[in-house]
Amino acid sequence: MRDDGMHQIGEAAGRVGLSLRTVRYYEEVGLVVPSGRTDGGFRLYTEDDIDRLALVKQLKPLEFGLDELRQLLEVRDRLVDEDDPDVRRDLVDRLDAYADTAAERCAQLREQLARVEAVAATLRRETRLAGPRDRAEASRS
């Protein structure tokens, strides 16, 4: 970290567990734009930028598309600064709808995981039934 609290792209990417290429892509598509640049043009990220990168990474397995991600992030950004109660209520409702979508997708992922775990358990049972000798002979074939 630099003295000014800003982080270069490598540190930001490393903290979130993303590749440099992915961080650059997120900038290119407008999801996470660095808050600054060095005199030499290197990207600089704040803690808020890094938190935003982490959020995008967390949302990706839920299969939000780029437009959905962009809109969700826009709603969050606007909510922080919005003073009008009616507009805030609308933004909260929109954010709540994204939360509902995320919950539905989590449920779908749990169902998918349960099916895959059942397949893995079946394969383990079959492996135990085959016994160690049969497995050794099969691997030589």
N, C-alpha and C. Protein backbone atom coordinates (compact mmCIF):
# COMPACT_ATOMS: atom_id res chain seq x y z
N MET A 1 0.85 -1.18 0.00
CA MET A 1 0.00 0.00 0.00
C MET A 1 0.89 1.24 0.00
N ARG A 2 0.44 2.21 -0.72
CA ARG A 2 1.16 3.47 -0.80
C ARG A 2 0.84 4.32 0.44
N ASP A 3 1.60 5.39 0.61
CA ASP A 3 1.38 6.29 1.73
C ASP A 3 0.00 6.95 1.70
N ASP A 4 -0.57 7.09 0.51
CA ASP A 4 -1.86 7.77 0.38
C ASP A 4 -3.05 6.81 0.54
N GLY A 5 -2.77 5.56 0.93
CA GLY A 5 -3.84 4.59 1.13
C GLY A 5 -4.33 3.92 -0.14
N MET A 6 -3.73 4.23 -1.26
CA MET A 6 -4.13 3.65 -2.54
C MET A 6 -3.31 2.39 -2.80
N HIS A 7 -3.89 1.50 -3.55
CA HIS A 7 -3.26 0.21 -3.85
C HIS A 7 -3.11 0.06 -5.36
N GLN A 8 -1.97 -0.45 -5.78
CA GLN A 8 -1.78 -0.72 -7.19
C GLN A 8 -2.56 -1.98 -7.56
N ILE A 9 -2.74 -2.18 -8.84
CA ILE A 9 -3.61 -3.25 -9.34
C ILE A 9 -3.19 -4.64 -8.83
N GLY A 10 -1.90 -4.90 -8.76
CA GLY A 10 -1.46 -6.21 -8.32
C GLY A 10 -1.88 -6.51 -6.89
N GLU A 11 -1.75 -5.52 -6.03
CA GLU A 11 -2.15 -5.71 -4.64
C GLU A 11 -3.67 -5.85 -4.53
N ALA A 12 -4.40 -5.01 -5.25
CA ALA A 12 -5.86 -5.09 -5.22
C ALA A 12 -6.33 -6.46 -5.72
N ALA A 13 -5.78 -6.90 -6.83
CA ALA A 13 -6.16 -8.20 -7.39
C ALA A 13 -5.82 -9.33 -6.42
N GLY A 14 -4.62 -9.27 -5.85
CA GLY A 14 -4.19 -10.31 -4.92
C GLY A 14 -5.06 -10.39 -3.68
N ARG A 15 -5.45 -9.26 -3.16
CA ARG A 15 -6.29 -9.25 -1.95
C ARG A 15 -7.65 -9.88 -2.20
N VAL A 16 -8.16 -9.71 -3.41
CA VAL A 16 -9.49 -10.23 -3.73
C VAL A 16 -9.42 -11.64 -4.32
N GLY A 17 -8.25 -12.01 -4.81
CA GLY A 17 -8.12 -13.32 -5.44
C GLY A 17 -8.54 -13.33 -6.89
N LEU A 18 -8.26 -12.24 -7.59
CA LEU A 18 -8.58 -12.14 -9.01
C LEU A 18 -7.28 -11.96 -9.79
N SER A 19 -7.33 -12.29 -11.05
CA SER A 19 -6.18 -12.06 -11.91
C SER A 19 -6.15 -10.58 -12.33
N LEU A 20 -4.98 -10.12 -12.72
CA LEU A 20 -4.86 -8.75 -13.23
C LEU A 20 -5.76 -8.56 -14.45
N ARG A 21 -5.80 -9.58 -15.26
CA ARG A 21 -6.61 -9.52 -16.48
C ARG A 21 -8.09 -9.32 -16.14
N THR A 22 -8.56 -10.03 -15.10
CA THR A 22 -9.97 -9.90 -14.70
C THR A 22 -10.25 -8.51 -14.16
N VAL A 23 -9.34 -7.97 -13.35
CA VAL A 23 -9.53 -6.63 -12.80
C VAL A 23 -9.57 -5.61 -13.94
N ARG A 24 -8.68 -5.77 -14.91
CA ARG A 24 -8.69 -4.85 -16.06
C ARG A 24 -10.00 -4.98 -16.85
N TYR A 25 -10.48 -6.22 -16.99
CA TYR A 25 -11.74 -6.44 -17.70
C TYR A 25 -12.89 -5.76 -16.97
N TYR A 26 -12.94 -5.88 -15.65
CA TYR A 26 -13.99 -5.23 -14.88
C TYR A 26 -13.96 -3.72 -15.06
N GLU A 27 -12.76 -3.17 -15.22
CA GLU A 27 -12.67 -1.74 -15.51
C GLU A 27 -13.20 -1.46 -16.92
N GLU A 28 -12.78 -2.28 -17.88
CA GLU A 28 -13.18 -2.08 -19.28
C GLU A 28 -14.69 -2.09 -19.44
N VAL A 29 -15.38 -2.96 -18.70
CA VAL A 29 -16.84 -3.05 -18.83
C VAL A 29 -17.58 -2.15 -17.85
N GLY A 30 -16.83 -1.37 -17.08
CA GLY A 30 -17.43 -0.37 -16.21
C GLY A 30 -17.94 -0.86 -14.87
N LEU A 31 -17.49 -2.02 -14.42
CA LEU A 31 -17.94 -2.51 -13.12
C LEU A 31 -17.14 -1.91 -11.96
N VAL A 32 -15.83 -1.88 -12.12
CA VAL A 32 -14.96 -1.36 -11.06
C VAL A 32 -13.89 -0.49 -11.72
N VAL A 33 -14.05 0.80 -11.57
CA VAL A 33 -13.11 1.74 -12.16
C VAL A 33 -12.17 2.21 -11.05
N PRO A 34 -10.86 2.15 -11.28
CA PRO A 34 -9.93 2.60 -10.23
C PRO A 34 -10.16 4.08 -9.91
N SER A 35 -9.95 4.41 -8.65
CA SER A 35 -10.19 5.79 -8.20
C SER A 35 -9.08 6.74 -8.59
N GLY A 36 -7.96 6.21 -9.02
CA GLY A 36 -6.86 7.10 -9.38
C GLY A 36 -5.86 6.43 -10.30
N ARG A 37 -4.88 7.22 -10.67
CA ARG A 37 -3.78 6.74 -11.51
C ARG A 37 -2.50 7.40 -11.01
N THR A 38 -1.40 6.69 -11.17
CA THR A 38 -0.11 7.30 -10.86
C THR A 38 0.26 8.24 -11.99
N ASP A 39 1.33 9.00 -11.78
CA ASP A 39 1.82 9.87 -12.85
C ASP A 39 2.17 9.06 -14.08
N GLY A 40 2.58 7.81 -13.87
CA GLY A 40 2.93 6.94 -14.98
C GLY A 40 1.74 6.22 -15.58
N GLY A 41 0.54 6.46 -15.06
CA GLY A 41 -0.67 5.86 -15.63
C GLY A 41 -1.10 4.54 -15.00
N PHE A 42 -0.41 4.11 -13.93
CA PHE A 42 -0.80 2.85 -13.29
C PHE A 42 -2.07 3.05 -12.47
N ARG A 43 -2.94 2.04 -12.50
CA ARG A 43 -4.21 2.10 -11.79
C ARG A 43 -3.97 2.11 -10.28
N LEU A 44 -4.80 2.88 -9.58
CA LEU A 44 -4.75 2.94 -8.11
C LEU A 44 -6.15 2.71 -7.56
N TYR A 45 -6.24 1.85 -6.57
CA TYR A 45 -7.52 1.44 -6.00
C TYR A 45 -7.61 1.81 -4.52
N THR A 46 -8.78 2.30 -4.12
CA THR A 46 -9.05 2.58 -2.71
C THR A 46 -9.58 1.30 -2.06
N GLU A 47 -9.77 1.34 -0.76
CA GLU A 47 -10.39 0.22 -0.05
C GLU A 47 -11.80 -0.02 -0.57
N ASP A 48 -12.52 1.06 -0.87
CA ASP A 48 -13.88 0.92 -1.42
C ASP A 48 -13.84 0.22 -2.78
N ASP A 49 -12.85 0.56 -3.60
CA ASP A 49 -12.70 -0.10 -4.90
C ASP A 49 -12.45 -1.59 -4.71
N ILE A 50 -11.61 -1.92 -3.76
CA ILE A 50 -11.28 -3.32 -3.48
C ILE A 50 -12.51 -4.06 -2.96
N ASP A 51 -13.29 -3.40 -2.10
CA ASP A 51 -14.53 -4.02 -1.63
C ASP A 51 -15.49 -4.26 -2.79
N ARG A 52 -15.52 -3.34 -3.73
CA ARG A 52 -16.38 -3.48 -4.91
C ARG A 52 -15.92 -4.66 -5.77
N LEU A 53 -14.59 -4.80 -5.95
CA LEU A 53 -14.05 -5.96 -6.66
C LEU A 53 -14.48 -7.25 -5.98
N ALA A 54 -14.38 -7.27 -4.66
CA ALA A 54 -14.75 -8.48 -3.90
C ALA A 54 -16.24 -8.80 -4.08
N LEU A 55 -17.08 -7.77 -4.07
CA LEU A 55 -18.52 -7.99 -4.26
C LEU A 55 -18.79 -8.58 -5.64
N VAL A 56 -18.17 -8.03 -6.67
CA VAL A 56 -18.37 -8.55 -8.03
C VAL A 56 -17.93 -10.01 -8.08
N LYS A 57 -16.80 -10.32 -7.47
CA LYS A 57 -16.32 -11.70 -7.46
C LYS A 57 -17.33 -12.60 -6.75
N GLN A 58 -17.89 -12.14 -5.65
CA GLN A 58 -18.86 -12.94 -4.90
C GLN A 58 -20.16 -13.15 -5.68
N LEU A 59 -20.52 -12.18 -6.50
CA LEU A 59 -21.77 -12.28 -7.27
C LEU A 59 -21.64 -13.14 -8.52
N LYS A 60 -20.43 -13.29 -9.04
CA LYS A 60 -20.24 -14.04 -10.29
C LYS A 60 -20.78 -15.46 -10.24
N PRO A 61 -20.57 -16.24 -9.17
CA PRO A 61 -21.12 -17.60 -9.17
C PRO A 61 -22.65 -17.63 -9.21
N LEU A 62 -23.27 -16.51 -8.90
CA LEU A 62 -24.73 -16.44 -8.94
C LEU A 62 -25.23 -16.11 -10.34
N GLU A 63 -24.31 -16.06 -11.29
CA GLU A 63 -24.62 -15.87 -12.70
C GLU A 63 -25.36 -14.58 -13.02
N PHE A 64 -24.99 -13.52 -12.32
CA PHE A 64 -25.50 -12.21 -12.72
C PHE A 64 -24.75 -11.81 -13.98
N GLY A 65 -25.47 -11.33 -14.97
CA GLY A 65 -24.84 -10.85 -16.19
C GLY A 65 -24.21 -9.50 -15.97
N LEU A 66 -23.44 -9.05 -16.94
CA LEU A 66 -22.77 -7.75 -16.81
C LEU A 66 -23.76 -6.61 -16.60
N ASP A 67 -24.85 -6.62 -17.34
CA ASP A 67 -25.84 -5.55 -17.19
C ASP A 67 -26.47 -5.58 -15.79
N GLU A 68 -26.79 -6.79 -15.32
CA GLU A 68 -27.35 -6.91 -13.97
C GLU A 68 -26.37 -6.42 -12.92
N LEU A 69 -25.11 -6.82 -13.06
CA LEU A 69 -24.08 -6.37 -12.12
C LEU A 69 -23.94 -4.86 -12.15
N ARG A 70 -23.90 -4.30 -13.34
CA ARG A 70 -23.76 -2.86 -13.49
C ARG A 70 -24.94 -2.14 -12.80
N GLN A 71 -26.15 -2.62 -13.04
CA GLN A 71 -27.33 -2.00 -12.46
C GLN A 71 -27.35 -2.15 -10.94
N LEU A 72 -27.00 -3.32 -10.45
CA LEU A 72 -26.95 -3.55 -9.01
C LEU A 72 -25.95 -2.60 -8.34
N LEU A 73 -24.77 -2.49 -8.92
CA LEU A 73 -23.75 -1.60 -8.37
C LEU A 73 -24.19 -0.14 -8.43
N GLU A 74 -24.88 0.22 -9.51
CA GLU A 74 -25.39 1.58 -9.63
C GLU A 74 -26.40 1.88 -8.54
N VAL A 75 -27.29 0.93 -8.27
CA VAL A 75 -28.28 1.11 -7.21
C VAL A 75 -27.58 1.30 -5.87
N ARG A 76 -26.60 0.47 -5.58
CA ARG A 76 -25.85 0.60 -4.31
C ARG A 76 -25.16 1.96 -4.22
N ASP A 77 -24.55 2.38 -5.32
CA ASP A 77 -23.85 3.66 -5.33
C ASP A 77 -24.81 4.82 -5.09
N ARG A 78 -25.94 4.78 -5.76
CA ARG A 78 -26.91 5.87 -5.63
C ARG A 78 -27.52 5.90 -4.24
N LEU A 79 -27.73 4.75 -3.65
CA LEU A 79 -28.35 4.65 -2.33
C LEU A 79 -27.51 5.35 -1.27
N VAL A 80 -26.21 5.29 -1.40
CA VAL A 80 -25.30 5.90 -0.42
C VAL A 80 -25.52 7.40 -0.32
N ASP A 81 -25.73 8.06 -1.44
CA ASP A 81 -25.80 9.52 -1.47
C ASP A 81 -27.21 10.09 -1.58
N GLU A 82 -28.21 9.24 -1.70
CA GLU A 82 -29.56 9.73 -1.96
C GLU A 82 -30.23 10.22 -0.68
N ASP A 83 -30.79 11.44 -0.73
CA ASP A 83 -31.47 12.03 0.42
C ASP A 83 -32.99 12.00 0.28
N ASP A 84 -33.48 11.97 -0.94
CA ASP A 84 -34.93 12.00 -1.17
C ASP A 84 -35.54 10.66 -0.69
N PRO A 85 -36.46 10.71 0.27
CA PRO A 85 -37.03 9.48 0.83
C PRO A 85 -37.73 8.60 -0.20
N ASP A 86 -38.41 9.20 -1.16
CA ASP A 86 -39.11 8.41 -2.19
C ASP A 86 -38.11 7.69 -3.09
N VAL A 87 -37.08 8.40 -3.49
CA VAL A 87 -36.05 7.79 -4.34
C VAL A 87 -35.33 6.71 -3.56
N ARG A 88 -35.01 6.98 -2.28
CA ARG A 88 -34.34 5.97 -1.44
C ARG A 88 -35.18 4.70 -1.34
N ARG A 89 -36.49 4.88 -1.13
CA ARG A 89 -37.39 3.73 -1.01
C ARG A 89 -37.36 2.89 -2.30
N ASP A 90 -37.39 3.58 -3.45
CA ASP A 90 -37.31 2.89 -4.73
C ASP A 90 -35.99 2.14 -4.87
N LEU A 91 -34.89 2.78 -4.48
CA LEU A 91 -33.59 2.13 -4.57
C LEU A 91 -33.49 0.92 -3.63
N VAL A 92 -34.04 1.07 -2.44
CA VAL A 92 -34.04 -0.05 -1.49
C VAL A 92 -34.87 -1.20 -2.05
N ASP A 93 -36.00 -0.89 -2.64
CA ASP A 93 -36.84 -1.93 -3.26
C ASP A 93 -36.09 -2.65 -4.37
N ARG A 94 -35.37 -1.88 -5.18
CA ARG A 94 -34.60 -2.49 -6.27
C ARG A 94 -33.48 -3.37 -5.73
N LEU A 95 -32.80 -2.88 -4.69
CA LEU A 95 -31.74 -3.67 -4.08
C LEU A 95 -32.32 -4.94 -3.45
N ASP A 96 -33.48 -4.81 -2.86
CA ASP A 96 -34.15 -5.97 -2.27
C ASP A 96 -34.50 -7.01 -3.34
N ALA A 97 -34.89 -6.54 -4.52
CA ALA A 97 -35.18 -7.46 -5.62
C ALA A 97 -33.92 -8.22 -6.04
N TYR A 98 -32.78 -7.52 -6.05
CA TYR A 98 -31.51 -8.20 -6.35
C TYR A 98 -31.19 -9.22 -5.26
N ALA A 99 -31.48 -8.88 -4.02
CA ALA A 99 -31.25 -9.82 -2.91
C ALA A 99 -32.12 -11.06 -3.08
N ASP A 100 -33.37 -10.87 -3.50
CA ASP A 100 -34.26 -12.01 -3.75
C ASP A 100 -33.72 -12.89 -4.87
N THR A 101 -33.25 -12.26 -5.93
CA THR A 101 -32.68 -13.00 -7.06
C THR A 101 -31.46 -13.79 -6.59
N ALA A 102 -30.60 -13.16 -5.80
CA ALA A 102 -29.42 -13.84 -5.28
C ALA A 102 -29.82 -15.04 -4.43
N ALA A 103 -30.83 -14.87 -3.59
CA ALA A 103 -31.29 -15.97 -2.73
C ALA A 103 -31.84 -17.13 -3.57
N GLU A 104 -32.59 -16.81 -4.62
CA GLU A 104 -33.12 -17.85 -5.51
C GLU A 104 -31.98 -18.62 -6.18
N ARG A 105 -30.99 -17.89 -6.63
CA ARG A 105 -29.85 -18.53 -7.30
C ARG A 105 -29.03 -19.35 -6.32
N CYS A 106 -28.94 -18.91 -5.08
CA CYS A 106 -28.25 -19.70 -4.05
C CYS A 106 -28.99 -21.02 -3.83
N ALA A 107 -30.30 -20.95 -3.79
CA ALA A 107 -31.10 -22.17 -3.61
C ALA A 107 -30.88 -23.13 -4.78
N GLN A 108 -30.81 -22.60 -5.99
CA GLN A 108 -30.55 -23.44 -7.15
C GLN A 108 -29.17 -24.09 -7.06
N LEU A 109 -28.19 -23.31 -6.62
CA LEU A 109 -26.83 -23.86 -6.46
C LEU A 109 -26.79 -24.95 -5.39
N ARG A 110 -27.56 -24.75 -4.28
CA ARG A 110 -27.63 -25.79 -3.24
C ARG A 110 -28.22 -27.08 -3.79
N GLU A 111 -29.27 -26.95 -4.59
CA GLU A 111 -29.89 -28.13 -5.21
C GLU A 111 -28.90 -28.83 -6.14
N GLN A 112 -28.21 -28.05 -6.93
CA GLN A 112 -27.22 -28.62 -7.84
C GLN A 112 -26.10 -29.31 -7.05
N LEU A 113 -25.65 -28.69 -5.98
CA LEU A 113 -24.61 -29.27 -5.15
C LEU A 113 -25.08 -30.59 -4.53
N ALA A 114 -26.32 -30.62 -4.07
CA ALA A 114 -26.86 -31.85 -3.48
C ALA A 114 -26.87 -32.98 -4.51
N ARG A 115 -27.24 -32.67 -5.74
CA ARG A 115 -27.25 -33.70 -6.79
C ARG A 115 -25.83 -34.21 -7.06
N VAL A 116 -24.88 -33.31 -7.15
CA VAL A 116 -23.50 -33.69 -7.43
C VAL A 116 -22.92 -34.48 -6.26
N GLU A 117 -23.24 -34.08 -5.03
CA GLU A 117 -22.77 -34.82 -3.86
C GLU A 117 -23.35 -36.23 -3.85
N ALA A 118 -24.59 -36.38 -4.29
CA ALA A 118 -25.21 -37.71 -4.37
C ALA A 118 -24.48 -38.58 -5.38
N VAL A 119 -24.09 -38.01 -6.51
CA VAL A 119 -23.32 -38.75 -7.51
C VAL A 119 -21.98 -39.18 -6.92
N ALA A 120 -21.31 -38.27 -6.23
CA ALA A 120 -20.01 -38.59 -5.63
C ALA A 120 -20.16 -39.71 -4.60
N ALA A 121 -21.22 -39.66 -3.80
CA ALA A 121 -21.46 -40.71 -2.81
C ALA A 121 -21.71 -42.06 -3.48
N THR A 122 -22.46 -42.05 -4.57
CA THR A 122 -22.71 -43.29 -5.32
C THR A 122 -21.41 -43.86 -5.85
N LEU A 123 -20.57 -43.01 -6.40
CA LEU A 123 -19.27 -43.48 -6.90
C LEU A 123 -18.41 -44.04 -5.79
N ARG A 124 -18.43 -43.43 -4.62
CA ARG A 124 -17.66 -43.94 -3.47
C ARG A 124 -18.16 -45.32 -3.07
N ARG A 125 -19.50 -45.49 -3.01
CA ARG A 125 -20.07 -46.80 -2.67
C ARG A 125 -19.64 -47.86 -3.68
N GLU A 126 -19.70 -47.49 -4.96
CA GLU A 126 -19.30 -48.44 -6.00
C GLU A 126 -17.82 -48.79 -5.87
N THR A 127 -17.01 -47.81 -5.51
CA THR A 127 -15.58 -48.05 -5.33
C THR A 127 -15.35 -49.02 -4.18
N ARG A 128 -16.07 -48.81 -3.06
CA ARG A 128 -15.91 -49.71 -1.91
C ARG A 128 -16.40 -51.12 -2.24
N LEU A 129 -17.47 -51.22 -3.00
CA LEU A 129 -18.00 -52.53 -3.37
C LEU A 129 -17.04 -53.28 -4.29
N ALA A 130 -16.36 -52.55 -5.15
CA ALA A 130 -15.42 -53.19 -6.07
C ALA A 130 -14.23 -53.78 -5.31
N GLY A 131 -13.90 -53.21 -4.20
CA GLY A 131 -12.80 -53.73 -3.39
C GLY A 131 -11.45 -53.30 -3.93
N PRO A 132 -10.43 -53.35 -3.06
CA PRO A 132 -9.10 -52.88 -3.45
C PRO A 132 -8.46 -53.71 -4.56
N ARG A 133 -8.65 -55.03 -4.56
CA ARG A 133 -8.01 -55.88 -5.56
C ARG A 133 -8.55 -55.59 -6.95
N ASP A 134 -9.86 -55.44 -7.05
CA ASP A 134 -10.47 -55.17 -8.34
C ASP A 134 -10.02 -53.80 -8.90
N ARG A 135 -9.85 -52.82 -8.01
CA ARG A 135 -9.41 -51.51 -8.45
C ARG A 135 -7.98 -51.58 -8.98
N ALA A 136 -7.13 -52.34 -8.32
CA ALA A 136 -5.74 -52.44 -8.76
C ALA A 136 -5.66 -53.12 -10.13
N GLU A 137 -6.47 -54.16 -10.31
CA GLU A 137 -6.47 -54.85 -11.59
C GLU A 137 -7.01 -53.94 -12.69
N ALA A 138 -8.05 -53.17 -12.36
CA ALA A 138 -8.66 -52.27 -13.36
C ALA A 138 -7.66 -51.18 -13.79
N SER A 139 -6.85 -50.73 -12.86
CA SER A 139 -5.91 -49.66 -13.21
C SER A 139 -4.79 -50.18 -14.09
N ARG A 140 -4.51 -51.48 -14.04
CA ARG A 140 -3.46 -52.06 -14.90
C ARG A 140 -3.97 -52.28 -16.33
N SER A 141 -5.26 -52.31 -16.51
CA SER A 141 -5.82 -52.60 -17.84
C SER A 141 -5.68 -51.46 -18.79
